[in-house]
Amino acid sequence: MIGELFAAYLEQTRTALPRLRQRVEAADAIGVRAVAHEQKGASGMVGVLAIAACFAAIERQPDQQDAAVAALDAVEAALGRLAAEVRSLLDPAQQP
């Protein structure tokens, strides 16, 4: 059950990241703040606090493009690690 929750979170977050990146690149501070806020809440709800902190940083300074891009890169790296953990929860045979 927990694995499925995280799988849904990963899918939803990976869908939202391109939207957020587009808004950052377009210097759309209102859009950046809205998507970052949404993702901060979703991340916090599943307890992925490091990712929630990245989204919070973006939300606080939506007009800081370089910082937002760095935070998004950190989110993507963390999502990759989380995805590996979720796979091992869903299929324990994949564990090393």
C-alpha atoms as a PDB file:
ATOM      1  CA  MET A   1       0.000   0.000   0.000  1.00  0.00           C
ATOM      2  CA  ILE A   2       2.764   2.453   0.868  1.00  0.00           C
ATOM      3  CA  GLY A   3       4.565   1.570  -2.334  1.00  0.00           C
ATOM      4  CA  GLU A   4       1.462   2.411  -4.349  1.00  0.00           C
ATOM      5  CA  LEU A   5       1.106   5.746  -2.539  1.00  0.00           C
ATOM      6  CA  PHE A   6       4.668   6.693  -3.411  1.00  0.00           C
ATOM      7  CA  ALA A   7       4.257   5.433  -6.981  1.00  0.00           C
ATOM      8  CA  ALA A   8       1.255   7.750  -7.383  1.00  0.00           C
ATOM      9  CA  TYR A   9       3.214  10.618  -5.826  1.00  0.00           C
ATOM     10  CA  LEU A  10       6.129  10.018  -8.199  1.00  0.00           C
ATOM     11  CA  GLU A  11       3.860   9.947 -11.235  1.00  0.00           C
ATOM     12  CA  GLN A  12       2.050  13.126 -10.205  1.00  0.00           C
ATOM     13  CA  THR A  13       5.277  14.956  -9.392  1.00  0.00           C
ATOM     14  CA  ARG A  14       7.006  13.901 -12.602  1.00  0.00           C
ATOM     15  CA  THR A  15       3.991  15.214 -14.504  1.00  0.00           C
ATOM     16  CA  ALA A  16       4.164  18.557 -12.675  1.00  0.00           C
ATOM     17  CA  LEU A  17       7.915  19.140 -13.117  1.00  0.00           C
ATOM     18  CA  PRO A  18       7.760  20.066 -16.822  1.00  0.00           C
ATOM     19  CA  ARG A  19       4.943  22.539 -16.069  1.00  0.00           C
ATOM     20  CA  LEU A  20       7.032  24.100 -13.335  1.00  0.00           C
ATOM     21  CA  ARG A  21      10.145  24.224 -15.522  1.00  0.00           C
ATOM     22  CA  GLN A  22       8.138  25.930 -18.294  1.00  0.00           C
ATOM     23  CA  ARG A  23       6.878  28.550 -15.880  1.00  0.00           C
ATOM     24  CA  VAL A  24      10.388  29.153 -14.548  1.00  0.00           C
ATOM     25  CA  GLU A  25      11.757  29.564 -18.079  1.00  0.00           C
ATOM     26  CA  ALA A  26       8.891  31.950 -18.937  1.00  0.00           C
ATOM     27  CA  ALA A  27       9.604  34.011 -15.786  1.00  0.00           C
ATOM     28  CA  ASP A  28       5.969  33.447 -14.744  1.00  0.00           C
ATOM     29  CA  ALA A  29       6.367  34.127 -11.014  1.00  0.00           C
ATOM     30  CA  ILE A  30       2.666  33.588 -10.260  1.00  0.00           C
ATOM     31  CA  GLY A  31       2.630  30.254 -12.110  1.00  0.00           C
ATOM     32  CA  VAL A  32       5.912  29.187 -10.510  1.00  0.00           C
ATOM     33  CA  ARG A  33       4.589  29.981  -7.052  1.00  0.00           C
ATOM     34  CA  ALA A  34       1.319  28.093  -7.677  1.00  0.00           C
ATOM     35  CA  VAL A  35       2.922  24.887  -8.981  1.00  0.00           C
ATOM     36  CA  ALA A  36       5.703  24.961  -6.371  1.00  0.00           C
ATOM     37  CA  HIS A  37       3.117  25.392  -3.615  1.00  0.00           C
ATOM     38  CA  GLU A  38       1.069  22.466  -4.927  1.00  0.00           C
ATOM     39  CA  GLN A  39       4.135  20.226  -5.095  1.00  0.00           C
ATOM     40  CA  LYS A  40       5.407  21.343  -1.688  1.00  0.00           C
ATOM     41  CA  GLY A  41       2.101  20.239  -0.183  1.00  0.00           C
ATOM     42  CA  ALA A  42       2.048  16.901  -1.998  1.00  0.00           C
ATOM     43  CA  SER A  43       5.643  16.200  -0.975  1.00  0.00           C
ATOM     44  CA  GLY A  44       4.931  17.090   2.623  1.00  0.00           C
ATOM     45  CA  MET A  45       1.846  14.876   2.714  1.00  0.00           C
ATOM     46  CA  VAL A  46       3.887  11.798   1.818  1.00  0.00           C
ATOM     47  CA  GLY A  47       6.759  12.806   4.091  1.00  0.00           C
ATOM     48  CA  VAL A  48       9.367  13.572   1.433  1.00  0.00           C
ATOM     49  CA  LEU A  49      10.612  16.579   3.346  1.00  0.00           C
ATOM     50  CA  ALA A  50      13.818  17.210   1.410  1.00  0.00           C
ATOM     51  CA  ILE A  51      11.824  17.506  -1.809  1.00  0.00           C
ATOM     52  CA  ALA A  52       9.191  19.619  -0.053  1.00  0.00           C
ATOM     53  CA  ALA A  53      11.994  21.953   1.068  1.00  0.00           C
ATOM     54  CA  CYS A  54      13.163  22.361  -2.548  1.00  0.00           C
ATOM     55  CA  PHE A  55       9.653  23.292  -3.641  1.00  0.00           C
ATOM     56  CA  ALA A  56       9.326  25.665  -0.669  1.00  0.00           C
ATOM     57  CA  ALA A  57      12.525  27.439  -1.741  1.00  0.00           C
ATOM     58  CA  ILE A  58      11.133  27.854  -5.249  1.00  0.00           C
ATOM     59  CA  GLU A  59       7.818  29.081  -3.873  1.00  0.00           C
ATOM     60  CA  ARG A  60       9.531  31.701  -1.669  1.00  0.00           C
ATOM     61  CA  GLN A  61      11.534  33.180  -4.556  1.00  0.00           C
ATOM     62  CA  PRO A  62       9.605  32.414  -7.745  1.00  0.00           C
ATOM     63  CA  ASP A  63      11.470  35.086  -9.693  1.00  0.00           C
ATOM     64  CA  GLN A  64      14.942  33.631  -8.998  1.00  0.00           C
ATOM     65  CA  GLN A  65      15.357  31.564 -12.162  1.00  0.00           C
ATOM     66  CA  ASP A  66      18.848  30.178 -11.471  1.00  0.00           C
ATOM     67  CA  ALA A  67      17.933  29.092  -7.953  1.00  0.00           C
ATOM     68  CA  ALA A  68      14.706  27.509  -9.201  1.00  0.00           C
ATOM     69  CA  VAL A  69      16.536  25.546 -11.895  1.00  0.00           C
ATOM     70  CA  ALA A  70      19.056  24.280  -9.326  1.00  0.00           C
ATOM     71  CA  ALA A  71      16.232  23.277  -6.977  1.00  0.00           C
ATOM     72  CA  LEU A  72      14.403  21.495  -9.807  1.00  0.00           C
ATOM     73  CA  ASP A  73      17.579  19.596 -10.668  1.00  0.00           C
ATOM     74  CA  ALA A  74      17.852  18.553  -7.000  1.00  0.00           C
ATOM     75  CA  VAL A  75      14.209  17.432  -7.034  1.00  0.00           C
ATOM     76  CA  GLU A  76      14.772  15.313 -10.133  1.00  0.00           C
ATOM     77  CA  ALA A  77      17.801  13.634  -8.558  1.00  0.00           C
ATOM     78  CA  ALA A  78      15.886  12.953  -5.342  1.00  0.00           C
ATOM     79  CA  LEU A  79      12.948  11.567  -7.311  1.00  0.00           C
ATOM     80  CA  GLY A  80      15.294   9.128  -9.015  1.00  0.00           C
ATOM     81  CA  ARG A  81      16.494   7.851  -5.640  1.00  0.00           C
ATOM     82  CA  LEU A  82      12.927   7.671  -4.336  1.00  0.00           C
ATOM     83  CA  ALA A  83      11.802   5.759  -7.434  1.00  0.00           C
ATOM     84  CA  ALA A  84      14.472   3.128  -6.758  1.00  0.00           C
ATOM     85  CA  GLU A  85      13.225   2.763  -3.186  1.00  0.00           C
ATOM     86  CA  VAL A  86       9.612   2.497  -4.347  1.00  0.00           C
ATOM     87  CA  ARG A  87      10.559  -0.209  -6.849  1.00  0.00           C
ATOM     88  CA  SER A  88      12.147  -2.198  -4.051  1.00  0.00           C
ATOM     89  CA  LEU A  89       8.996  -1.819  -1.938  1.00  0.00           C
ATOM     90  CA  LEU A  90       6.758  -2.949  -4.784  1.00  0.00           C
ATOM     91  CA  ASP A  91       9.054  -5.804  -5.811  1.00  0.00           C
ATOM     92  CA  PRO A  92      11.300  -6.974  -2.951  1.00  0.00           C
ATOM     93  CA  ALA A  93      12.990  -9.418  -5.362  1.00  0.00           C
ATOM     94  CA  GLN A  94      14.698  -6.383  -6.964  1.00  0.00           C
ATOM     95  CA  GLN A  95      16.614  -5.586  -3.781  1.00  0.00           C
ATOM     96  CA  PRO A  96      20.388  -6.147  -3.975  1.00  0.00           C
END
